[in-house]
């Protein structure tokens, strides 16, 4: 994955993050979108409402970058890997 350095991350607009207020989980390319899905449940200090909005942004970015996301809701992520 192309890792963003602090300067590159600072140059991204808030709209390019799954969690814009916290500037967590950038969504600037396909690799970062996949990473945002993988790390979604690791984000701390956010409300369920913020997670709902972040999930919408992730789904939109996934479509934009042609990333397949099988889960229809972030709630499904909590159970992934526990089957």
PDB file of N, CA and C in Angstrom:
ATOM      1  N   UNK A   1       0.848  -1.168   0.000  1.00  0.00           N
ATOM      2  CA  UNK A   1       0.000   0.000   0.000  1.00  0.00           C
ATOM      3  C   UNK A   1       0.893   1.230   0.000  1.00  0.00           C
ATOM      4  N   UNK A   2       0.471   2.194  -0.754  1.00  0.00           N
ATOM      5  CA  UNK A   2       1.203   3.448  -0.755  1.00  0.00           C
ATOM      6  C   UNK A   2       0.853   4.194   0.526  1.00  0.00           C
ATOM      7  N   UNK A   3       1.807   4.246   1.417  1.00  0.00           N
ATOM      8  CA  UNK A   3       1.575   4.887   2.709  1.00  0.00           C
ATOM      9  C   UNK A   3       1.670   6.392   2.548  1.00  0.00           C
ATOM     10  N   UNK A   4       0.733   7.087   3.143  1.00  0.00           N
ATOM     11  CA  UNK A   4       0.734   8.543   3.115  1.00  0.00           C
ATOM     12  C   UNK A   4       1.616   9.062   4.240  1.00  0.00           C
ATOM     13  N   UNK A   5       2.497   9.991   3.904  1.00  0.00           N
ATOM     14  CA  UNK A   5       3.247  10.634   4.978  1.00  0.00           C
ATOM     15  C   UNK A   5       2.368  11.733   5.567  1.00  0.00           C
ATOM     16  N   UNK A   6       2.807  12.334   6.632  1.00  0.00           N
ATOM     17  CA  UNK A   6       1.988  13.333   7.328  1.00  0.00           C
ATOM     18  C   UNK A   6       1.637  14.513   6.426  1.00  0.00           C
ATOM     19  N   UNK A   7       2.585  14.952   5.622  1.00  0.00           N
ATOM     20  CA  UNK A   7       2.325  16.089   4.729  1.00  0.00           C
ATOM     21  C   UNK A   7       1.239  15.732   3.707  1.00  0.00           C
ATOM     22  N   UNK A   8       1.327  14.544   3.123  1.00  0.00           N
ATOM     23  CA  UNK A   8       0.313  14.109   2.148  1.00  0.00           C
ATOM     24  C   UNK A   8      -1.055  13.969   2.815  1.00  0.00           C
ATOM     25  N   UNK A   9      -1.054  13.420   4.016  1.00  0.00           N
ATOM     26  CA  UNK A   9      -2.309  13.255   4.749  1.00  0.00           C
ATOM     27  C   UNK A   9      -2.927  14.618   5.075  1.00  0.00           C
ATOM     28  N   UNK A  10      -2.091  15.573   5.451  1.00  0.00           N
ATOM     29  CA  UNK A  10      -2.567  16.913   5.764  1.00  0.00           C
ATOM     30  C   UNK A  10      -3.159  17.612   4.544  1.00  0.00           C
ATOM     31  N   UNK A  11      -2.688  17.252   3.348  1.00  0.00           N
ATOM     32  CA  UNK A  11      -3.173  17.873   2.115  1.00  0.00           C
ATOM     33  C   UNK A  11      -4.540  17.335   1.687  1.00  0.00           C
ATOM     34  N   UNK A  12      -4.946  16.184   2.219  1.00  0.00           N
ATOM     35  CA  UNK A  12      -6.250  15.628   1.867  1.00  0.00           C
ATOM     36  C   UNK A  12      -7.358  16.459   2.505  1.00  0.00           C
ATOM     37  N   UNK A  13      -8.439  16.627   1.782  1.00  0.00           N
ATOM     38  CA  UNK A  13      -9.592  17.325   2.367  1.00  0.00           C
ATOM     39  C   UNK A  13     -10.278  16.389   3.355  1.00  0.00           C
ATOM     40  N   UNK A  14     -11.028  16.946   4.265  1.00  0.00           N
ATOM     41  CA  UNK A  14     -11.746  16.141   5.255  1.00  0.00           C
ATOM     42  C   UNK A  14     -12.674  15.136   4.569  1.00  0.00           C
ATOM     43  N   UNK A  15     -13.215  15.506   3.419  1.00  0.00           N
ATOM     44  CA  UNK A  15     -14.140  14.633   2.693  1.00  0.00           C
ATOM     45  C   UNK A  15     -13.468  13.363   2.176  1.00  0.00           C
ATOM     46  N   UNK A  16     -12.148  13.325   2.180  1.00  0.00           N
ATOM     47  CA  UNK A  16     -11.420  12.153   1.699  1.00  0.00           C
ATOM     48  C   UNK A  16     -11.094  11.149   2.815  1.00  0.00           C
ATOM     49  N   UNK A  17     -11.749  11.306   3.956  1.00  0.00           N
ATOM     50  CA  UNK A  17     -11.560  10.396   5.080  1.00  0.00           C
ATOM     51  C   UNK A  17     -12.893   9.733   5.421  1.00  0.00           C
ATOM     52  N   UNK A  18     -12.835   8.486   5.858  1.00  0.00           N
ATOM     53  CA  UNK A  18     -14.054   7.817   6.316  1.00  0.00           C
ATOM     54  C   UNK A  18     -14.599   8.546   7.538  1.00  0.00           C
ATOM     55  N   UNK A  19     -13.712   8.951   8.419  1.00  0.00           N
ATOM     56  CA  UNK A  19     -14.072   9.687   9.634  1.00  0.00           C
ATOM     57  C   UNK A  19     -13.453  11.088   9.523  1.00  0.00           C
ATOM     58  N   UNK A  20     -14.146  12.009   8.851  1.00  0.00           N
ATOM     59  CA  UNK A  20     -13.540  13.310   8.550  1.00  0.00           C
ATOM     60  C   UNK A  20     -13.211  14.169   9.764  1.00  0.00           C
ATOM     61  N   UNK A  21     -14.043  14.155  10.794  1.00  0.00           N
ATOM     62  CA  UNK A  21     -13.785  14.993  11.968  1.00  0.00           C
ATOM     63  C   UNK A  21     -12.478  14.568  12.646  1.00  0.00           C
ATOM     64  N   UNK A  22     -12.249  13.270  12.687  1.00  0.00           N
ATOM     65  CA  UNK A  22     -11.046  12.726  13.312  1.00  0.00           C
ATOM     66  C   UNK A  22      -9.893  12.572  12.314  1.00  0.00           C
ATOM     67  N   UNK A  23     -10.194  12.761  11.013  1.00  0.00           N
ATOM     68  CA  UNK A  23      -9.233  12.564   9.927  1.00  0.00           C
ATOM     69  C   UNK A  23      -8.611  11.170  10.003  1.00  0.00           C
ATOM     70  N   UNK A  24      -9.494  10.181  10.158  1.00  0.00           N
ATOM     71  CA  UNK A  24      -9.064   8.784  10.227  1.00  0.00           C
ATOM     72  C   UNK A  24      -9.552   8.025   9.010  1.00  0.00           C
ATOM     73  N   UNK A  25      -8.738   7.118   8.544  1.00  0.00           N
ATOM     74  CA  UNK A  25      -9.016   6.228   7.419  1.00  0.00           C
ATOM     75  C   UNK A  25      -9.224   6.989   6.107  1.00  0.00           C
ATOM     76  N   UNK A  26      -8.103   7.386   5.479  1.00  0.00           N
ATOM     77  CA  UNK A  26      -8.202   8.063   4.186  1.00  0.00           C
ATOM     78  C   UNK A  26      -8.815   7.151   3.128  1.00  0.00           C
ATOM     79  N   UNK A  27      -9.505   7.761   2.167  1.00  0.00           N
ATOM     80  CA  UNK A  27     -10.198   7.025   1.106  1.00  0.00           C
ATOM     81  C   UNK A  27      -9.763   7.540  -0.259  1.00  0.00           C
ATOM     82  N   UNK A  28      -8.476   7.810  -0.415  1.00  0.00           N
ATOM     83  CA  UNK A  28      -7.980   8.445  -1.626  1.00  0.00           C
ATOM     84  C   UNK A  28      -7.614   7.487  -2.756  1.00  0.00           C
ATOM     85  N   UNK A  29      -7.626   6.186  -2.511  1.00  0.00           N
ATOM     86  CA  UNK A  29      -7.378   5.219  -3.577  1.00  0.00           C
ATOM     87  C   UNK A  29      -7.906   3.850  -3.131  1.00  0.00           C
ATOM     88  N   UNK A  30      -7.872   2.879  -4.038  1.00  0.00           N
ATOM     89  CA  UNK A  30      -8.444   1.554  -3.764  1.00  0.00           C
ATOM     90  C   UNK A  30      -7.777   0.873  -2.567  1.00  0.00           C
ATOM     91  N   UNK A  31      -6.475   0.984  -2.459  1.00  0.00           N
ATOM     92  CA  UNK A  31      -5.769   0.333  -1.346  1.00  0.00           C
ATOM     93  C   UNK A  31      -6.195   0.913  -0.004  1.00  0.00           C
ATOM     94  N   UNK A  32      -6.368   2.220   0.044  1.00  0.00           N
ATOM     95  CA  UNK A  32      -6.799   2.838   1.298  1.00  0.00           C
ATOM     96  C   UNK A  32      -8.256   2.510   1.620  1.00  0.00           C
ATOM     97  N   UNK A  33      -9.075   2.351   0.606  1.00  0.00           N
ATOM     98  CA  UNK A  33     -10.470   1.956   0.845  1.00  0.00           C
ATOM     99  C   UNK A  33     -10.503   0.556   1.455  1.00  0.00           C
ATOM    100  N   UNK A  34      -9.744  -0.374   0.872  1.00  0.00           N
ATOM    101  CA  UNK A  34      -9.701  -1.734   1.437  1.00  0.00           C
ATOM    102  C   UNK A  34      -9.175  -1.708   2.870  1.00  0.00           C
ATOM    103  N   UNK A  35      -8.185  -0.873   3.124  1.00  0.00           N
ATOM    104  CA  UNK A  35      -7.628  -0.743   4.470  1.00  0.00           C
ATOM    105  C   UNK A  35      -8.659  -0.170   5.441  1.00  0.00           C
ATOM    106  N   UNK A  36      -9.452   0.802   4.978  1.00  0.00           N
ATOM    107  CA  UNK A  36     -10.481   1.405   5.837  1.00  0.00           C
ATOM    108  C   UNK A  36     -11.516   0.369   6.250  1.00  0.00           C
ATOM    109  N   UNK A  37     -11.868  -0.532   5.334  1.00  0.00           N
ATOM    110  CA  UNK A  37     -12.814  -1.603   5.673  1.00  0.00           C
ATOM    111  C   UNK A  37     -12.170  -2.548   6.683  1.00  0.00           C
ATOM    112  N   UNK A  38     -10.929  -2.934   6.424  1.00  0.00           N
ATOM    113  CA  UNK A  38     -10.235  -3.882   7.293  1.00  0.00           C
ATOM    114  C   UNK A  38     -10.045  -3.340   8.707  1.00  0.00           C
ATOM    115  N   UNK A  39      -9.830  -2.050   8.838  1.00  0.00           N
ATOM    116  CA  UNK A  39      -9.544  -1.442  10.135  1.00  0.00           C
ATOM    117  C   UNK A  39     -10.745  -0.739  10.758  1.00  0.00           C
ATOM    118  N   UNK A  40     -11.893  -0.848  10.132  1.00  0.00           N
ATOM    119  CA  UNK A  40     -13.069  -0.101  10.560  1.00  0.00           C
ATOM    120  C   UNK A  40     -13.358  -0.278  12.048  1.00  0.00           C
ATOM    121  N   UNK A  41     -13.333  -1.495  12.534  1.00  0.00           N
ATOM    122  CA  UNK A  41     -13.672  -1.752  13.938  1.00  0.00           C
ATOM    123  C   UNK A  41     -12.566  -1.365  14.910  1.00  0.00           C
ATOM    124  N   UNK A  42     -11.408  -0.983  14.394  1.00  0.00           N
ATOM    125  CA  UNK A  42     -10.308  -0.563  15.260  1.00  0.00           C
ATOM    126  C   UNK A  42     -10.361   0.927  15.586  1.00  0.00           C
ATOM    127  N   UNK A  43     -11.189   1.667  14.864  1.00  0.00           N
ATOM    128  CA  UNK A  43     -11.299   3.105  15.096  1.00  0.00           C
ATOM    129  C   UNK A  43     -12.014   3.326  16.426  1.00  0.00           C
ATOM    130  N   UNK A  44     -11.388   4.091  17.292  1.00  0.00           N
ATOM    131  CA  UNK A  44     -11.941   4.351  18.619  1.00  0.00           C
ATOM    132  C   UNK A  44     -12.383   5.798  18.740  1.00  0.00           C
ATOM    133  N   UNK A  45     -13.257   6.049  19.698  1.00  0.00           N
ATOM    134  CA  UNK A  45     -13.673   7.404  19.996  1.00  0.00           C
ATOM    135  C   UNK A  45     -14.670   7.985  19.007  1.00  0.00           C
ATOM    136  N   UNK A  46     -15.449   7.108  18.347  1.00  0.00           N
ATOM    137  CA  UNK A  46     -16.475   7.580  17.420  1.00  0.00           C
ATOM    138  C   UNK A  46     -17.818   6.966  17.806  1.00  0.00           C
ATOM    139  N   UNK A  47     -18.876   7.672  17.488  1.00  0.00           N
ATOM    140  CA  UNK A  47     -20.224   7.198  17.809  1.00  0.00           C
ATOM    141  C   UNK A  47     -20.735   6.270  16.709  1.00  0.00           C
ATOM    142  N   UNK A  48     -21.810   5.571  17.003  1.00  0.00           N
ATOM    143  CA  UNK A  48     -22.440   4.730  15.985  1.00  0.00           C
ATOM    144  C   UNK A  48     -22.933   5.568  14.818  1.00  0.00           C
ATOM    145  N   UNK A  49     -23.397   6.762  15.104  1.00  0.00           N
ATOM    146  CA  UNK A  49     -23.836   7.669  14.040  1.00  0.00           C
ATOM    147  C   UNK A  49     -22.666   8.032  13.122  1.00  0.00           C
ATOM    148  N   UNK A  50     -21.509   8.302  13.715  1.00  0.00           N
ATOM    149  CA  UNK A  50     -20.316   8.598  12.917  1.00  0.00           C
ATOM    150  C   UNK A  50     -19.891   7.373  12.116  1.00  0.00           C
ATOM    151  N   UNK A  51     -20.057   6.192  12.691  1.00  0.00           N
ATOM    152  CA  UNK A  51     -19.747   4.959  11.953  1.00  0.00           C
ATOM    153  C   UNK A  51     -20.704   4.780  10.770  1.00  0.00           C
ATOM    154  N   UNK A  52     -21.980   5.091  10.976  1.00  0.00           N
ATOM    155  CA  UNK A  52     -22.952   5.010   9.881  1.00  0.00           C
ATOM    156  C   UNK A  52     -22.524   5.905   8.721  1.00  0.00           C
ATOM    157  N   UNK A  53     -22.149   7.138   9.048  1.00  0.00           N
ATOM    158  CA  UNK A  53     -21.727   8.080   8.011  1.00  0.00           C
ATOM    159  C   UNK A  53     -20.415   7.642   7.358  1.00  0.00           C
ATOM    160  N   UNK A  54     -19.495   7.128   8.156  1.00  0.00           N
ATOM    161  CA  UNK A  54     -18.221   6.651   7.618  1.00  0.00           C
ATOM    162  C   UNK A  54     -18.455   5.484   6.658  1.00  0.00           C
ATOM    163  N   UNK A  55     -19.376   4.597   7.010  1.00  0.00           N
ATOM    164  CA  UNK A  55     -19.664   3.449   6.159  1.00  0.00           C
ATOM    165  C   UNK A  55     -20.214   3.919   4.800  1.00  0.00           C
ATOM    166  N   UNK A  56     -21.053   4.941   4.825  1.00  0.00           N
ATOM    167  CA  UNK A  56     -21.576   5.494   3.566  1.00  0.00           C
ATOM    168  C   UNK A  56     -20.426   6.033   2.716  1.00  0.00           C
ATOM    169  N   UNK A  57     -19.489   6.735   3.349  1.00  0.00           N
ATOM    170  CA  UNK A  57     -18.351   7.273   2.606  1.00  0.00           C
ATOM    171  C   UNK A  57     -17.472   6.158   2.056  1.00  0.00           C
ATOM    172  N   UNK A  58     -17.288   5.102   2.838  1.00  0.00           N
ATOM    173  CA  UNK A  58     -16.486   3.965   2.375  1.00  0.00           C
ATOM    174  C   UNK A  58     -17.161   3.297   1.189  1.00  0.00           C
ATOM    175  N   UNK A  59     -18.462   3.064   1.282  1.00  0.00           N
ATOM    176  CA  UNK A  59     -19.183   2.420   0.176  1.00  0.00           C
ATOM    177  C   UNK A  59     -19.102   3.275  -1.099  1.00  0.00           C
ATOM    178  N   UNK A  60     -19.227   4.582  -0.950  1.00  0.00           N
ATOM    179  CA  UNK A  60     -19.124   5.489  -2.096  1.00  0.00           C
ATOM    180  C   UNK A  60     -17.719   5.419  -2.710  1.00  0.00           C
ATOM    181  N   UNK A  61     -16.693   5.461  -1.867  1.00  0.00           N
ATOM    182  CA  UNK A  61     -15.315   5.388  -2.356  1.00  0.00           C
ATOM    183  C   UNK A  61     -15.036   4.025  -2.985  1.00  0.00           C
ATOM    184  N   UNK A  62     -15.603   2.970  -2.408  1.00  0.00           N
ATOM    185  CA  UNK A  62     -15.407   1.627  -2.964  1.00  0.00           C
ATOM    186  C   UNK A  62     -15.966   1.562  -4.387  1.00  0.00           C
ATOM    187  N   UNK A  63     -17.108   2.138  -4.577  1.00  0.00           N
ATOM    188  CA  UNK A  63     -17.706   2.165  -5.921  1.00  0.00           C
ATOM    189  C   UNK A  63     -16.817   2.975  -6.871  1.00  0.00           C
ATOM    190  N   UNK A  64     -16.347   4.128  -6.404  1.00  0.00           N
ATOM    191  CA  UNK A  64     -15.505   5.010  -7.219  1.00  0.00           C
ATOM    192  C   UNK A  64     -14.223   4.310  -7.660  1.00  0.00           C
ATOM    193  N   UNK A  65     -13.613   3.533  -6.750  1.00  0.00           N
ATOM    194  CA  UNK A  65     -12.334   2.882  -7.041  1.00  0.00           C
ATOM    195  C   UNK A  65     -12.484   1.406  -7.402  1.00  0.00           C
ATOM    196  N   UNK A  66     -13.737   0.981  -7.644  1.00  0.00           N
ATOM    197  CA  UNK A  66     -14.015  -0.392  -8.075  1.00  0.00           C
ATOM    198  C   UNK A  66     -13.499  -1.430  -7.078  1.00  0.00           C
ATOM    199  N   UNK A  67     -13.793  -1.202  -5.797  1.00  0.00           N
ATOM    200  CA  UNK A  67     -13.413  -2.117  -4.724  1.00  0.00           C
ATOM    201  C   UNK A  67     -14.667  -2.865  -4.292  1.00  0.00           C
ATOM    202  N   UNK A  68     -14.594  -4.180  -4.275  1.00  0.00           N
ATOM    203  CA  UNK A  68     -15.740  -4.990  -3.872  1.00  0.00           C
ATOM    204  C   UNK A  68     -15.845  -5.022  -2.346  1.00  0.00           C
ATOM    205  N   UNK A  69     -17.011  -4.634  -1.854  1.00  0.00           N
ATOM    206  CA  UNK A  69     -17.311  -4.698  -0.424  1.00  0.00           C
ATOM    207  C   UNK A  69     -18.556  -5.564  -0.292  1.00  0.00           C
ATOM    208  N   UNK A  70     -18.413  -6.720   0.319  1.00  0.00           N
ATOM    209  CA  UNK A  70     -19.520  -7.667   0.418  1.00  0.00           C
ATOM    210  C   UNK A  70     -20.521  -7.328   1.507  1.00  0.00           C
ATOM    211  N   UNK A  71     -20.068  -6.659   2.544  1.00  0.00           N
ATOM    212  CA  UNK A  71     -20.936  -6.313   3.659  1.00  0.00           C
ATOM    213  C   UNK A  71     -21.847  -5.153   3.263  1.00  0.00           C
ATOM    214  N   UNK A  72     -23.108  -5.258   3.630  1.00  0.00           N
ATOM    215  CA  UNK A  72     -24.031  -4.163   3.338  1.00  0.00           C
ATOM    216  C   UNK A  72     -24.058  -3.141   4.473  1.00  0.00           C
ATOM    217  N   UNK A  73     -23.574  -3.528   5.637  1.00  0.00           N
ATOM    218  CA  UNK A  73     -23.565  -2.657   6.805  1.00  0.00           C
ATOM    219  C   UNK A  73     -22.270  -2.877   7.585  1.00  0.00           C
ATOM    220  N   UNK A  74     -21.821  -1.851   8.280  1.00  0.00           N
ATOM    221  CA  UNK A  74     -20.618  -2.006   9.099  1.00  0.00           C
ATOM    222  C   UNK A  74     -20.857  -2.963  10.255  1.00  0.00           C
ATOM    223  N   UNK A  75     -22.125  -3.177  10.613  1.00  0.00           N
ATOM    224  CA  UNK A  75     -22.444  -4.104  11.704  1.00  0.00           C
ATOM    225  C   UNK A  75     -22.022  -5.529  11.346  1.00  0.00           C
ATOM    226  N   UNK A  76     -22.000  -5.850  10.076  1.00  0.00           N
ATOM    227  CA  UNK A  76     -21.574  -7.172   9.636  1.00  0.00           C
ATOM    228  C   UNK A  76     -20.072  -7.390   9.853  1.00  0.00           C
ATOM    229  N   UNK A  77     -19.309  -6.334   9.931  1.00  0.00           N
ATOM    230  CA  UNK A  77     -17.864  -6.447  10.127  1.00  0.00           C
ATOM    231  C   UNK A  77     -17.531  -7.008  11.498  1.00  0.00           C
ATOM    232  N   UNK A  78     -18.336  -6.719  12.483  1.00  0.00           N
ATOM    233  CA  UNK A  78     -18.066  -7.171  13.853  1.00  0.00           C
ATOM    234  C   UNK A  78     -18.058  -8.690  13.933  1.00  0.00           C
ATOM    235  N   UNK A  79     -18.780  -9.336  13.045  1.00  0.00           N
ATOM    236  CA  UNK A  79     -18.875 -10.787  13.088  1.00  0.00           C
ATOM    237  C   UNK A  79     -17.955 -11.470  12.103  1.00  0.00           C
ATOM    238  N   UNK A  80     -17.308 -10.708  11.236  1.00  0.00           N
ATOM    239  CA  UNK A  80     -16.403 -11.295  10.265  1.00  0.00           C
ATOM    240  C   UNK A  80     -15.228 -11.938  10.995  1.00  0.00           C
ATOM    241  N   UNK A  81     -14.879 -13.127  10.593  1.00  0.00           N
ATOM    242  CA  UNK A  81     -13.768 -13.842  11.194  1.00  0.00           C
ATOM    243  C   UNK A  81     -14.135 -14.596  12.468  1.00  0.00           C
ATOM    244  N   UNK A  82     -15.359 -14.437  12.974  1.00  0.00           N
ATOM    245  CA  UNK A  82     -15.772 -15.131  14.191  1.00  0.00           C
ATOM    246  C   UNK A  82     -16.639 -16.339  13.879  1.00  0.00           C
ATOM    247  N   UNK A  83     -16.767 -16.655  12.608  1.00  0.00           N
ATOM    248  CA  UNK A  83     -17.646 -17.759  12.213  1.00  0.00           C
ATOM    249  C   UNK A  83     -16.994 -19.089  12.393  1.00  0.00           C
TER     250      UNK A  83
END
